[in-house]
Each structure stands twice: as C-alpha cells, then as structure tokens.
Amino acid sequence: MKKFGFIFLIFSVPIVTFAAANTFAEALGIMQGLLNGLLPVLIALAVALFLLGVLKYIGASDNPEKRTEGRELMVYGIIAIFVMISFWGLVNIVVDTFFSSSDLTIKGTDVPQF
C-alpha cells in the first residue's frame, strides 16, 4: 500500500507545479527549482547510506552476517552515488553541447500557446 502512495506522490507533483504557474515557462522554472533542491538531498542520503554500511562493517567485525549486510549497504550507496552523479553529468554535457547559455532562458514567445 505504501508503494502506491509514493507513486501517486511522484506523479502528482507536476500537477501541483502546473497549477501554481501561469505559463508553461513558469512551470518549467518551478520544476527545475524543485529538482535542483532535491539532488543534493538525494546525494547526501546516498553518502549516509554508504557511511552506515561502513559503520556496520567495522562494528560487526566478528559477525559475518552483519559484515555482509554492511558490505551490501556500502555497495548500494556507491551505486546510488555513481548513478546520480553520472546522470547529473550527462545532463550537463547535453545542455552545454546543444544549448548556449542564452538559449536556456525560456521566453513567453518560445512556448507554443493555444
């Protein structure tokens, strides 16, 4: 049941964002601000997961089951950090390659209107 609530929350965020904005450009700006604020939090959580794995691995040096659990947490933390930073870097490379800094500002005339 918790999965459905989380999925609903993820898919409802754009609805709230578009409801608060008057134009499509404002909605994109709001969503960009949300994502820019969320990325450091997610990276911090991945680093905390890695450090928790390190502490479990070191703290349970005599228990092989807990050492395995700590090793798995470290691996998951490293994978999460790698995926997030790689995705962030790829997006920045694409933006820098295909758009100049003046093209990143969306004007009201750039957005198709009905």
PDB file of N, CA and C in Angstrom:
ATOM      1  N   MET A   1       0.811  -1.180   0.000  1.00  0.00           N
ATOM      2  CA  MET A   1       0.000   0.000   0.000  1.00  0.00           C
ATOM      3  C   MET A   1       0.861   1.253   0.000  1.00  0.00           C
ATOM      4  N   LYS A   2       2.010   1.199   0.655  1.00  0.00           N
ATOM      5  CA  LYS A   2       2.890   2.360   0.708  1.00  0.00           C
ATOM      6  C   LYS A   2       3.474   2.675  -0.663  1.00  0.00           C
ATOM      7  N   LYS A   3       3.684   1.643  -1.478  1.00  0.00           N
ATOM      8  CA  LYS A   3       4.232   1.869  -2.811  1.00  0.00           C
ATOM      9  C   LYS A   3       3.293   2.727  -3.642  1.00  0.00           C
ATOM     10  N   PHE A   4       2.006   2.458  -3.550  1.00  0.00           N
ATOM     11  CA  PHE A   4       1.042   3.199  -4.353  1.00  0.00           C
ATOM     12  C   PHE A   4       0.977   4.659  -3.919  1.00  0.00           C
ATOM     13  N   GLY A   5       1.090   4.912  -2.629  1.00  0.00           N
ATOM     14  CA  GLY A   5       1.097   6.290  -2.138  1.00  0.00           C
ATOM     15  C   GLY A   5       2.317   7.048  -2.624  1.00  0.00           C
ATOM     16  N   PHE A   6       3.470   6.393  -2.621  1.00  0.00           N
ATOM     17  CA  PHE A   6       4.694   7.029  -3.097  1.00  0.00           C
ATOM     18  C   PHE A   6       4.627   7.307  -4.587  1.00  0.00           C
ATOM     19  N   ILE A   7       4.125   6.340  -5.357  1.00  0.00           N
ATOM     20  CA  ILE A   7       3.990   6.530  -6.801  1.00  0.00           C
ATOM     21  C   ILE A   7       3.003   7.647  -7.092  1.00  0.00           C
ATOM     22  N   PHE A   8       1.897   7.706  -6.354  1.00  0.00           N
ATOM     23  CA  PHE A   8       0.926   8.782  -6.545  1.00  0.00           C
ATOM     24  C   PHE A   8       1.551  10.130  -6.229  1.00  0.00           C
ATOM     25  N   LEU A   9       2.369  10.189  -5.185  1.00  0.00           N
ATOM     26  CA  LEU A   9       3.028  11.439  -4.821  1.00  0.00           C
ATOM     27  C   LEU A   9       3.965  11.911  -5.928  1.00  0.00           C
ATOM     28  N   ILE A  10       4.728  10.993  -6.499  1.00  0.00           N
ATOM     29  CA  ILE A  10       5.658  11.356  -7.567  1.00  0.00           C
ATOM     30  C   ILE A  10       4.917  11.882  -8.785  1.00  0.00           C
ATOM     31  N   PHE A  11       3.823  11.229  -9.151  1.00  0.00           N
ATOM     32  CA  PHE A  11       3.090  11.654 -10.332  1.00  0.00           C
ATOM     33  C   PHE A  11       2.204  12.866 -10.078  1.00  0.00           C
ATOM     34  N   SER A  12       1.911  13.191  -8.828  1.00  0.00           N
ATOM     35  CA  SER A  12       1.072  14.348  -8.550  1.00  0.00           C
ATOM     36  C   SER A  12       1.867  15.636  -8.418  1.00  0.00           C
ATOM     37  N   VAL A  13       3.181  15.572  -8.255  1.00  0.00           N
ATOM     38  CA  VAL A  13       3.998  16.777  -8.126  1.00  0.00           C
ATOM     39  C   VAL A  13       3.890  17.663  -9.370  1.00  0.00           C
ATOM     40  N   PRO A  14       3.956  17.138 -10.594  1.00  0.00           N
ATOM     41  CA  PRO A  14       3.784  18.026 -11.750  1.00  0.00           C
ATOM     42  C   PRO A  14       2.417  18.689 -11.795  1.00  0.00           C
ATOM     43  N   ILE A  15       1.384  18.023 -11.314  1.00  0.00           N
ATOM     44  CA  ILE A  15       0.051  18.624 -11.310  1.00  0.00           C
ATOM     45  C   ILE A  15       0.041  19.853 -10.403  1.00  0.00           C
ATOM     46  N   VAL A  16       0.626  19.728  -9.233  1.00  0.00           N
ATOM     47  CA  VAL A  16       0.697  20.852  -8.306  1.00  0.00           C
ATOM     48  C   VAL A  16       1.565  21.957  -8.891  1.00  0.00           C
ATOM     49  N   THR A  17       2.654  21.595  -9.542  1.00  0.00           N
ATOM     50  CA  THR A  17       3.548  22.580 -10.135  1.00  0.00           C
ATOM     51  C   THR A  17       2.847  23.359 -11.230  1.00  0.00           C
ATOM     52  N   PHE A  18       2.150  22.669 -12.115  1.00  0.00           N
ATOM     53  CA  PHE A  18       1.466  23.358 -13.198  1.00  0.00           C
ATOM     54  C   PHE A  18       0.301  24.187 -12.683  1.00  0.00           C
ATOM     55  N   ALA A  19      -0.298  23.798 -11.577  1.00  0.00           N
ATOM     56  CA  ALA A  19      -1.403  24.574 -11.027  1.00  0.00           C
ATOM     57  C   ALA A  19      -0.909  25.885 -10.432  1.00  0.00           C
ATOM     58  N   ALA A  20       0.322  25.922  -9.939  1.00  0.00           N
ATOM     59  CA  ALA A  20       0.861  27.127  -9.321  1.00  0.00           C
ATOM     60  C   ALA A  20       1.426  28.101 -10.345  1.00  0.00           C
ATOM     61  N   ALA A  21       1.644  27.671 -11.576  1.00  0.00           N
ATOM     62  CA  ALA A  21       2.267  28.514 -12.586  1.00  0.00           C
ATOM     63  C   ALA A  21       1.215  29.055 -13.550  1.00  0.00           C
ATOM     64  N   ASN A  22       1.486  30.258 -14.050  1.00  0.00           N
ATOM     65  CA  ASN A  22       0.587  30.861 -15.028  1.00  0.00           C
ATOM     66  C   ASN A  22       0.919  30.428 -16.446  1.00  0.00           C
ATOM     67  N   THR A  23       2.185  30.209 -16.728  1.00  0.00           N
ATOM     68  CA  THR A  23       2.602  29.812 -18.072  1.00  0.00           C
ATOM     69  C   THR A  23       3.429  28.539 -17.984  1.00  0.00           C
ATOM     70  N   PHE A  24       3.649  27.952 -19.145  1.00  0.00           N
ATOM     71  CA  PHE A  24       4.455  26.742 -19.213  1.00  0.00           C
ATOM     72  C   PHE A  24       5.892  27.022 -18.803  1.00  0.00           C
ATOM     73  N   ALA A  25       6.408  28.195 -19.159  1.00  0.00           N
ATOM     74  CA  ALA A  25       7.781  28.563 -18.803  1.00  0.00           C
ATOM     75  C   ALA A  25       7.937  28.680 -17.289  1.00  0.00           C
ATOM     76  N   GLU A  26       6.926  29.235 -16.617  1.00  0.00           N
ATOM     77  CA  GLU A  26       6.987  29.320 -15.160  1.00  0.00           C
ATOM     78  C   GLU A  26       6.945  27.924 -14.535  1.00  0.00           C
ATOM     79  N   ALA A  27       6.142  27.043 -15.128  1.00  0.00           N
ATOM     80  CA  ALA A  27       6.057  25.673 -14.608  1.00  0.00           C
ATOM     81  C   ALA A  27       7.390  24.961 -14.753  1.00  0.00           C
ATOM     82  N   LEU A  28       8.054  25.152 -15.893  1.00  0.00           N
ATOM     83  CA  LEU A  28       9.379  24.549 -16.067  1.00  0.00           C
ATOM     84  C   LEU A  28      10.376  25.111 -15.070  1.00  0.00           C
ATOM     85  N   GLY A  29      10.306  26.402 -14.802  1.00  0.00           N
ATOM     86  CA  GLY A  29      11.193  27.015 -13.821  1.00  0.00           C
ATOM     87  C   GLY A  29      10.957  26.477 -12.420  1.00  0.00           C
ATOM     88  N   ILE A  30       9.687  26.278 -12.067  1.00  0.00           N
ATOM     89  CA  ILE A  30       9.361  25.731 -10.747  1.00  0.00           C
ATOM     90  C   ILE A  30       9.866  24.299 -10.625  1.00  0.00           C
ATOM     91  N   MET A  31       9.649  23.494 -11.670  1.00  0.00           N
ATOM     92  CA  MET A  31      10.113  22.098 -11.627  1.00  0.00           C
ATOM     93  C   MET A  31      11.631  22.032 -11.580  1.00  0.00           C
ATOM     94  N   GLN A  32      12.312  22.918 -12.311  1.00  0.00           N
ATOM     95  CA  GLN A  32      13.773  22.939 -12.276  1.00  0.00           C
ATOM     96  C   GLN A  32      14.264  23.304 -10.878  1.00  0.00           C
ATOM     97  N   GLY A  33      13.604  24.252 -10.238  1.00  0.00           N
ATOM     98  CA  GLY A  33      13.975  24.621  -8.871  1.00  0.00           C
ATOM     99  C   GLY A  33      13.781  23.471  -7.892  1.00  0.00           C
ATOM    100  N   LEU A  34      12.686  22.734  -8.053  1.00  0.00           N
ATOM    101  CA  LEU A  34      12.450  21.577  -7.180  1.00  0.00           C
ATOM    102  C   LEU A  34      13.523  20.513  -7.373  1.00  0.00           C
ATOM    103  N   LEU A  35      13.855  20.226  -8.615  1.00  0.00           N
ATOM    104  CA  LEU A  35      14.868  19.203  -8.881  1.00  0.00           C
ATOM    105  C   LEU A  35      16.252  19.651  -8.427  1.00  0.00           C
ATOM    106  N   ASN A  36      16.578  20.927  -8.605  1.00  0.00           N
ATOM    107  CA  ASN A  36      17.880  21.421  -8.155  1.00  0.00           C
ATOM    108  C   ASN A  36      17.998  21.367  -6.635  1.00  0.00           C
ATOM    109  N   GLY A  37      16.899  21.532  -5.929  1.00  0.00           N
ATOM    110  CA  GLY A  37      16.922  21.428  -4.476  1.00  0.00           C
ATOM    111  C   GLY A  37      16.921  19.994  -3.989  1.00  0.00           C
ATOM    112  N   LEU A  38      16.357  19.102  -4.785  1.00  0.00           N
ATOM    113  CA  LEU A  38      16.241  17.702  -4.380  1.00  0.00           C
ATOM    114  C   LEU A  38      17.533  16.912  -4.605  1.00  0.00           C
ATOM    115  N   LEU A  39      18.295  17.269  -5.615  1.00  0.00           N
ATOM    116  CA  LEU A  39      19.501  16.499  -5.951  1.00  0.00           C
ATOM    117  C   LEU A  39      20.524  16.446  -4.815  1.00  0.00           C
ATOM    118  N   PRO A  40      20.881  17.569  -4.182  1.00  0.00           N
ATOM    119  CA  PRO A  40      21.840  17.463  -3.060  1.00  0.00           C
ATOM    120  C   PRO A  40      21.317  16.619  -1.907  1.00  0.00           C
ATOM    121  N   VAL A  41      20.019  16.644  -1.676  1.00  0.00           N
ATOM    122  CA  VAL A  41      19.445  15.837  -0.596  1.00  0.00           C
ATOM    123  C   VAL A  41      19.593  14.352  -0.927  1.00  0.00           C
ATOM    124  N   LEU A  42      19.317  13.976  -2.170  1.00  0.00           N
ATOM    125  CA  LEU A  42      19.453  12.573  -2.566  1.00  0.00           C
ATOM    126  C   LEU A  42      20.904  12.105  -2.507  1.00  0.00           C
ATOM    127  N   ILE A  43      21.834  12.944  -2.916  1.00  0.00           N
ATOM    128  CA  ILE A  43      23.247  12.581  -2.844  1.00  0.00           C
ATOM    129  C   ILE A  43      23.678  12.441  -1.380  1.00  0.00           C
ATOM    130  N   ALA A  44      23.187  13.330  -0.519  1.00  0.00           N
ATOM    131  CA  ALA A  44      23.514  13.234   0.908  1.00  0.00           C
ATOM    132  C   ALA A  44      22.959  11.938   1.508  1.00  0.00           C
ATOM    133  N   LEU A  45      21.761  11.540   1.092  1.00  0.00           N
ATOM    134  CA  LEU A  45      21.202  10.275   1.578  1.00  0.00           C
ATOM    135  C   LEU A  45      22.024   9.081   1.098  1.00  0.00           C
ATOM    136  N   ALA A  46      22.513   9.123  -0.139  1.00  0.00           N
ATOM    137  CA  ALA A  46      23.342   8.030  -0.651  1.00  0.00           C
ATOM    138  C   ALA A  46      24.667   7.957   0.103  1.00  0.00           C
ATOM    139  N   VAL A  47      25.255   9.105   0.412  1.00  0.00           N
ATOM    140  CA  VAL A  47      26.508   9.117   1.179  1.00  0.00           C
ATOM    141  C   VAL A  47      26.251   8.595   2.598  1.00  0.00           C
ATOM    142  N   ALA A  48      25.109   8.983   3.187  1.00  0.00           N
ATOM    143  CA  ALA A  48      24.772   8.483   4.525  1.00  0.00           C
ATOM    144  C   ALA A  48      24.572   6.969   4.508  1.00  0.00           C
ATOM    145  N   LEU A  49      23.962   6.448   3.448  1.00  0.00           N
ATOM    146  CA  LEU A  49      23.787   5.002   3.310  1.00  0.00           C
ATOM    147  C   LEU A  49      25.143   4.301   3.238  1.00  0.00           C
ATOM    148  N   PHE A  50      26.061   4.870   2.477  1.00  0.00           N
ATOM    149  CA  PHE A  50      27.408   4.295   2.379  1.00  0.00           C
ATOM    150  C   PHE A  50      28.101   4.312   3.740  1.00  0.00           C
ATOM    151  N   LEU A  51      28.021   5.449   4.435  1.00  0.00           N
ATOM    152  CA  LEU A  51      28.681   5.545   5.736  1.00  0.00           C
ATOM    153  C   LEU A  51      28.044   4.613   6.764  1.00  0.00           C
ATOM    154  N   LEU A  52      26.728   4.430   6.678  1.00  0.00           N
ATOM    155  CA  LEU A  52      26.075   3.467   7.561  1.00  0.00           C
ATOM    156  C   LEU A  52      26.596   2.054   7.297  1.00  0.00           C
ATOM    157  N   GLY A  53      26.813   1.731   6.034  1.00  0.00           N
ATOM    158  CA  GLY A  53      27.387   0.427   5.695  1.00  0.00           C
ATOM    159  C   GLY A  53      28.795   0.265   6.240  1.00  0.00           C
ATOM    160  N   VAL A  54      29.582   1.343   6.156  1.00  0.00           N
ATOM    161  CA  VAL A  54      30.951   1.287   6.702  1.00  0.00           C
ATOM    162  C   VAL A  54      30.907   1.049   8.212  1.00  0.00           C
ATOM    163  N   LEU A  55      30.025   1.769   8.906  1.00  0.00           N
ATOM    164  CA  LEU A  55      29.927   1.598  10.356  1.00  0.00           C
ATOM    165  C   LEU A  55      29.465   0.189  10.728  1.00  0.00           C
ATOM    166  N   LYS A  56      28.506  -0.354   9.982  1.00  0.00           N
ATOM    167  CA  LYS A  56      28.057  -1.722  10.256  1.00  0.00           C
ATOM    168  C   LYS A  56      29.164  -2.733   9.980  1.00  0.00           C
ATOM    169  N   TYR A  57      29.919  -2.505   8.918  1.00  0.00           N
ATOM    170  CA  TYR A  57      31.003  -3.429   8.561  1.00  0.00           C
ATOM    171  C   TYR A  57      32.093  -3.419   9.623  1.00  0.00           C
ATOM    172  N   ILE A  58      32.460  -2.237  10.076  1.00  0.00           N
ATOM    173  CA  ILE A  58      33.525  -2.133  11.085  1.00  0.00           C
ATOM    174  C   ILE A  58      33.021  -2.578  12.451  1.00  0.00           C
ATOM    175  N   GLY A  59      31.790  -2.195  12.796  1.00  0.00           N
ATOM    176  CA  GLY A  59      31.245  -2.521  14.116  1.00  0.00           C
ATOM    177  C   GLY A  59      30.995  -3.997  14.332  1.00  0.00           C
ATOM    178  N   ALA A  60      30.745  -4.723  13.275  1.00  0.00           N
ATOM    179  CA  ALA A  60      30.438  -6.151  13.410  1.00  0.00           C
ATOM    180  C   ALA A  60      31.544  -6.984  12.782  1.00  0.00           C
ATOM    181  N   SER A  61      32.765  -6.737  13.225  1.00  0.00           N
ATOM    182  CA  SER A  61      33.896  -7.453  12.621  1.00  0.00           C
ATOM    183  C   SER A  61      33.903  -8.940  12.983  1.00  0.00           C
ATOM    184  N   ASP A  62      33.217  -9.310  14.071  1.00  0.00           N
ATOM    185  CA  ASP A  62      33.213 -10.722  14.457  1.00  0.00           C
ATOM    186  C   ASP A  62      31.987 -11.487  13.945  1.00  0.00           C
ATOM    187  N   ASN A  63      30.978 -10.787  13.433  1.00  0.00           N
ATOM    188  CA  ASN A  63      29.755 -11.426  12.948  1.00  0.00           C
ATOM    189  C   ASN A  63      29.731 -11.378  11.413  1.00  0.00           C
ATOM    190  N   PRO A  64      29.907 -12.507  10.734  1.00  0.00           N
ATOM    191  CA  PRO A  64      29.970 -12.491   9.267  1.00  0.00           C
ATOM    192  C   PRO A  64      28.661 -12.075   8.598  1.00  0.00           C
ATOM    193  N   GLU A  65      27.510 -12.342   9.233  1.00  0.00           N
ATOM    194  CA  GLU A  65      26.235 -11.943   8.634  1.00  0.00           C
ATOM    195  C   GLU A  65      26.083 -10.425   8.610  1.00  0.00           C
ATOM    196  N   LYS A  66      26.443  -9.780   9.706  1.00  0.00           N
ATOM    197  CA  LYS A  66      26.341  -8.314   9.760  1.00  0.00           C
ATOM    198  C   LYS A  66      27.400  -7.656   8.887  1.00  0.00           C
ATOM    199  N   ARG A  67      28.562  -8.297   8.769  1.00  0.00           N
ATOM    200  CA  ARG A  67      29.576  -7.754   7.854  1.00  0.00           C
ATOM    201  C   ARG A  67      29.075  -7.804   6.426  1.00  0.00           C
ATOM    202  N   THR A  68      28.393  -8.870   6.056  1.00  0.00           N
ATOM    203  CA  THR A  68      27.823  -8.982   4.709  1.00  0.00           C
ATOM    204  C   THR A  68      26.752  -7.915   4.498  1.00  0.00           C
ATOM    205  N   GLU A  69      25.935  -7.678   5.514  1.00  0.00           N
ATOM    206  CA  GLU A  69      24.909  -6.637   5.422  1.00  0.00           C
ATOM    207  C   GLU A  69      25.547  -5.255   5.256  1.00  0.00           C
ATOM    208  N   GLY A  70      26.605  -4.986   6.006  1.00  0.00           N
ATOM    209  CA  GLY A  70      27.314  -3.716   5.879  1.00  0.00           C
ATOM    210  C   GLY A  70      27.957  -3.567   4.515  1.00  0.00           C
ATOM    211  N   ARG A  71      28.526  -4.657   3.987  1.00  0.00           N
ATOM    212  CA  ARG A  71      29.134  -4.622   2.655  1.00  0.00           C
ATOM    213  C   ARG A  71      28.080  -4.318   1.592  1.00  0.00           C
ATOM    214  N   GLU A  72      26.887  -4.928   1.730  1.00  0.00           N
ATOM    215  CA  GLU A  72      25.815  -4.674   0.767  1.00  0.00           C
ATOM    216  C   GLU A  72      25.360  -3.218   0.817  1.00  0.00           C
ATOM    217  N   LEU A  73      25.249  -2.644   2.027  1.00  0.00           N
ATOM    218  CA  LEU A  73      24.881  -1.232   2.142  1.00  0.00           C
ATOM    219  C   LEU A  73      25.931  -0.334   1.490  1.00  0.00           C
ATOM    220  N   MET A  74      27.196  -0.674   1.670  1.00  0.00           N
ATOM    221  CA  MET A  74      28.251   0.115   1.032  1.00  0.00           C
ATOM    222  C   MET A  74      28.152   0.049  -0.488  1.00  0.00           C
ATOM    223  N   VAL A  75      27.904  -1.130  -1.009  1.00  0.00           N
ATOM    224  CA  VAL A  75      27.780  -1.289  -2.467  1.00  0.00           C
ATOM    225  C   VAL A  75      26.579  -0.514  -2.986  1.00  0.00           C
ATOM    226  N   TYR A  76      25.428  -0.607  -2.288  1.00  0.00           N
ATOM    227  CA  TYR A  76      24.245   0.132  -2.724  1.00  0.00           C
ATOM    228  C   TYR A  76      24.483   1.633  -2.669  1.00  0.00           C
ATOM    229  N   GLY A  77      25.177   2.089  -1.644  1.00  0.00           N
ATOM    230  CA  GLY A  77      25.485   3.515  -1.536  1.00  0.00           C
ATOM    231  C   GLY A  77      26.389   3.989  -2.662  1.00  0.00           C
ATOM    232  N   ILE A  78      27.411   3.194  -2.984  1.00  0.00           N
ATOM    233  CA  ILE A  78      28.322   3.563  -4.072  1.00  0.00           C
ATOM    234  C   ILE A  78      27.579   3.573  -5.405  1.00  0.00           C
ATOM    235  N   ILE A  79      26.729   2.586  -5.636  1.00  0.00           N
ATOM    236  CA  ILE A  79      25.965   2.544  -6.882  1.00  0.00           C
ATOM    237  C   ILE A  79      25.035   3.752  -6.980  1.00  0.00           C
ATOM    238  N   ALA A  80      24.363   4.106  -5.879  1.00  0.00           N
ATOM    239  CA  ALA A  80      23.451   5.252  -5.890  1.00  0.00           C
ATOM    240  C   ALA A  80      24.205   6.551  -6.172  1.00  0.00           C
ATOM    241  N   ILE A  81      25.348   6.731  -5.534  1.00  0.00           N
ATOM    242  CA  ILE A  81      26.144   7.935  -5.771  1.00  0.00           C
ATOM    243  C   ILE A  81      26.607   7.979  -7.217  1.00  0.00           C
ATOM    244  N   PHE A  82      27.102   6.875  -7.730  1.00  0.00           N
ATOM    245  CA  PHE A  82      27.593   6.824  -9.107  1.00  0.00           C
ATOM    246  C   PHE A  82      26.486   7.130 -10.106  1.00  0.00           C
ATOM    247  N   VAL A  83      25.313   6.533  -9.917  1.00  0.00           N
ATOM    248  CA  VAL A  83      24.213   6.741 -10.871  1.00  0.00           C
ATOM    249  C   VAL A  83      23.757   8.195 -10.846  1.00  0.00           C
ATOM    250  N   MET A  84      23.591   8.772  -9.672  1.00  0.00           N
ATOM    251  CA  MET A  84      23.106  10.154  -9.596  1.00  0.00           C
ATOM    252  C   MET A  84      24.100  11.140 -10.179  1.00  0.00           C
ATOM    253  N   ILE A  85      25.367  11.000  -9.832  1.00  0.00           N
ATOM    254  CA  ILE A  85      26.360  11.945 -10.340  1.00  0.00           C
ATOM    255  C   ILE A  85      26.594  11.738 -11.830  1.00  0.00           C
ATOM    256  N   SER A  86      26.546  10.497 -12.307  1.00  0.00           N
ATOM    257  CA  SER A  86      26.697  10.246 -13.743  1.00  0.00           C
ATOM    258  C   SER A  86      25.537  10.850 -14.529  1.00  0.00           C
ATOM    259  N   PHE A  87      24.325  10.654 -14.040  1.00  0.00           N
ATOM    260  CA  PHE A  87      23.154  11.211 -14.716  1.00  0.00           C
ATOM    261  C   PHE A  87      23.221  12.737 -14.722  1.00  0.00           C
ATOM    262  N   TRP A  88      23.611  13.321 -13.600  1.00  0.00           N
ATOM    263  CA  TRP A  88      23.734  14.777 -13.491  1.00  0.00           C
ATOM    264  C   TRP A  88      24.791  15.284 -14.474  1.00  0.00           C
ATOM    265  N   GLY A  89      25.920  14.588 -14.575  1.00  0.00           N
ATOM    266  CA  GLY A  89      26.969  14.982 -15.517  1.00  0.00           C
ATOM    267  C   GLY A  89      26.535  14.840 -16.960  1.00  0.00           C
ATOM    268  N   LEU A  90      25.840  13.758 -17.290  1.00  0.00           N
ATOM    269  CA  LEU A  90      25.372  13.579 -18.668  1.00  0.00           C
ATOM    270  C   LEU A  90      24.375  14.659 -19.067  1.00  0.00           C
ATOM    271  N   VAL A  91      23.487  15.016 -18.162  1.00  0.00           N
ATOM    272  CA  VAL A  91      22.529  16.083 -18.459  1.00  0.00           C
ATOM    273  C   VAL A  91      23.263  17.400 -18.686  1.00  0.00           C
ATOM    274  N   ASN A  92      24.255  17.693 -17.865  1.00  0.00           N
ATOM    275  CA  ASN A  92      25.016  18.929 -18.054  1.00  0.00           C
ATOM    276  C   ASN A  92      25.798  18.921 -19.360  1.00  0.00           C
ATOM    277  N   ILE A  93      26.342  17.779 -19.757  1.00  0.00           N
ATOM    278  CA  ILE A  93      27.055  17.686 -21.030  1.00  0.00           C
ATOM    279  C   ILE A  93      26.099  17.942 -22.189  1.00  0.00           C
ATOM    280  N   VAL A  94      24.918  17.345 -22.142  1.00  0.00           N
ATOM    281  CA  VAL A  94      23.934  17.544 -23.218  1.00  0.00           C
ATOM    282  C   VAL A  94      23.502  19.001 -23.275  1.00  0.00           C
ATOM    283  N   VAL A  95      23.242  19.604 -22.134  1.00  0.00           N
ATOM    284  CA  VAL A  95      22.818  21.004 -22.108  1.00  0.00           C
ATOM    285  C   VAL A  95      23.924  21.906 -22.632  1.00  0.00           C
ATOM    286  N   ASP A  96      25.156  21.681 -22.197  1.00  0.00           N
ATOM    287  CA  ASP A  96      26.266  22.510 -22.661  1.00  0.00           C
ATOM    288  C   ASP A  96      26.565  22.301 -24.133  1.00  0.00           C
ATOM    289  N   THR A  97      26.315  21.100 -24.649  1.00  0.00           N
ATOM    290  CA  THR A  97      26.599  20.809 -26.048  1.00  0.00           C
ATOM    291  C   THR A  97      25.551  21.411 -26.979  1.00  0.00           C
ATOM    292  N   PHE A  98      24.293  21.249 -26.649  1.00  0.00           N
ATOM    293  CA  PHE A  98      23.232  21.640 -27.569  1.00  0.00           C
ATOM    294  C   PHE A  98      22.631  23.008 -27.317  1.00  0.00           C
ATOM    295  N   PHE A  99      22.864  23.584 -26.170  1.00  0.00           N
ATOM    296  CA  PHE A  99      22.272  24.879 -25.851  1.00  0.00           C
ATOM    297  C   PHE A  99      23.368  25.831 -25.405  1.00  0.00           C
ATOM    298  N   SER A 100      23.255  27.073 -25.827  1.00  0.00           N
ATOM    299  CA  SER A 100      24.153  28.088 -25.281  1.00  0.00           C
ATOM    300  C   SER A 100      23.495  28.650 -24.026  1.00  0.00           C
ATOM    301  N   SER A 101      24.211  29.472 -23.282  1.00  0.00           N
ATOM    302  CA  SER A 101      23.649  29.981 -22.034  1.00  0.00           C
ATOM    303  C   SER A 101      22.458  30.894 -22.289  1.00  0.00           C
ATOM    304  N   SER A 102      22.423  31.574 -23.442  1.00  0.00           N
ATOM    305  CA  SER A 102      21.290  32.440 -23.739  1.00  0.00           C
ATOM    306  C   SER A 102      20.069  31.639 -24.170  1.00  0.00           C
ATOM    307  N   ASP A 103      20.264  30.402 -24.652  1.00  0.00           N
ATOM    308  CA  ASP A 103      19.134  29.576 -25.081  1.00  0.00           C
ATOM    309  C   ASP A 103      18.402  28.933 -23.908  1.00  0.00           C
ATOM    310  N   LEU A 104      19.002  28.943 -22.726  1.00  0.00           N
ATOM    311  CA  LEU A 104      18.390  28.263 -21.594  1.00  0.00           C
ATOM    312  C   LEU A 104      17.246  29.058 -20.976  1.00  0.00           C
ATOM    313  N   THR A 105      17.199  30.355 -21.242  1.00  0.00           N
ATOM    314  CA  THR A 105      16.086  31.120 -20.716  1.00  0.00           C
ATOM    315  C   THR A 105      14.911  30.982 -21.663  1.00  0.00           C
ATOM    316  N   ILE A 106      13.804  30.566 -21.141  1.00  0.00           N
ATOM    317  CA  ILE A 106      12.606  30.374 -21.949  1.00  0.00           C
ATOM    318  C   ILE A 106      11.765  31.636 -21.877  1.00  0.00           C
ATOM    319  N   LYS A 107      11.492  32.189 -23.014  1.00  0.00           N
ATOM    320  CA  LYS A 107      10.668  33.395 -23.082  1.00  0.00           C
ATOM    321  C   LYS A 107       9.238  32.970 -23.368  1.00  0.00           C
ATOM    322  N   GLY A 108       8.297  33.881 -23.113  1.00  0.00           N
ATOM    323  CA  GLY A 108       6.909  33.580 -23.367  1.00  0.00           C
ATOM    324  C   GLY A 108       6.612  33.327 -24.822  1.00  0.00           C
ATOM    325  N   THR A 109       7.407  33.910 -25.720  1.00  0.00           N
ATOM    326  CA  THR A 109       7.173  33.709 -27.153  1.00  0.00           C
ATOM    327  C   THR A 109       7.741  32.373 -27.637  1.00  0.00           C
ATOM    328  N   ASP A 110       8.600  31.754 -26.847  1.00  0.00           N
ATOM    329  CA  ASP A 110       9.202  30.475 -27.253  1.00  0.00           C
ATOM    330  C   ASP A 110       8.279  29.298 -27.009  1.00  0.00           C
ATOM    331  N   VAL A 111       7.332  29.448 -26.109  1.00  0.00           N
ATOM    332  CA  VAL A 111       6.464  28.355 -25.736  1.00  0.00           C
ATOM    333  C   VAL A 111       5.203  28.400 -26.605  1.00  0.00           C
ATOM    334  N   PRO A 112       4.845  27.307 -27.256  1.00  0.00           N
ATOM    335  CA  PRO A 112       3.617  27.312 -28.054  1.00  0.00           C
ATOM    336  C   PRO A 112       2.402  27.573 -27.170  1.00  0.00           C
ATOM    337  N   GLN A 113       1.509  28.404 -27.653  1.00  0.00           N
ATOM    338  CA  GLN A 113       0.319  28.765 -26.909  1.00  0.00           C
ATOM    339  C   GLN A 113      -0.919  28.427 -27.716  1.00  0.00           C
ATOM    340  N   PHE A 114      -2.008  28.153 -27.029  1.00  0.00           N
ATOM    341  CA  PHE A 114      -3.278  27.877 -27.698  1.00  0.00           C
ATOM    342  C   PHE A 114      -4.093  29.131 -27.769  1.00  0.00           C
TER     343      PHE A 114
END
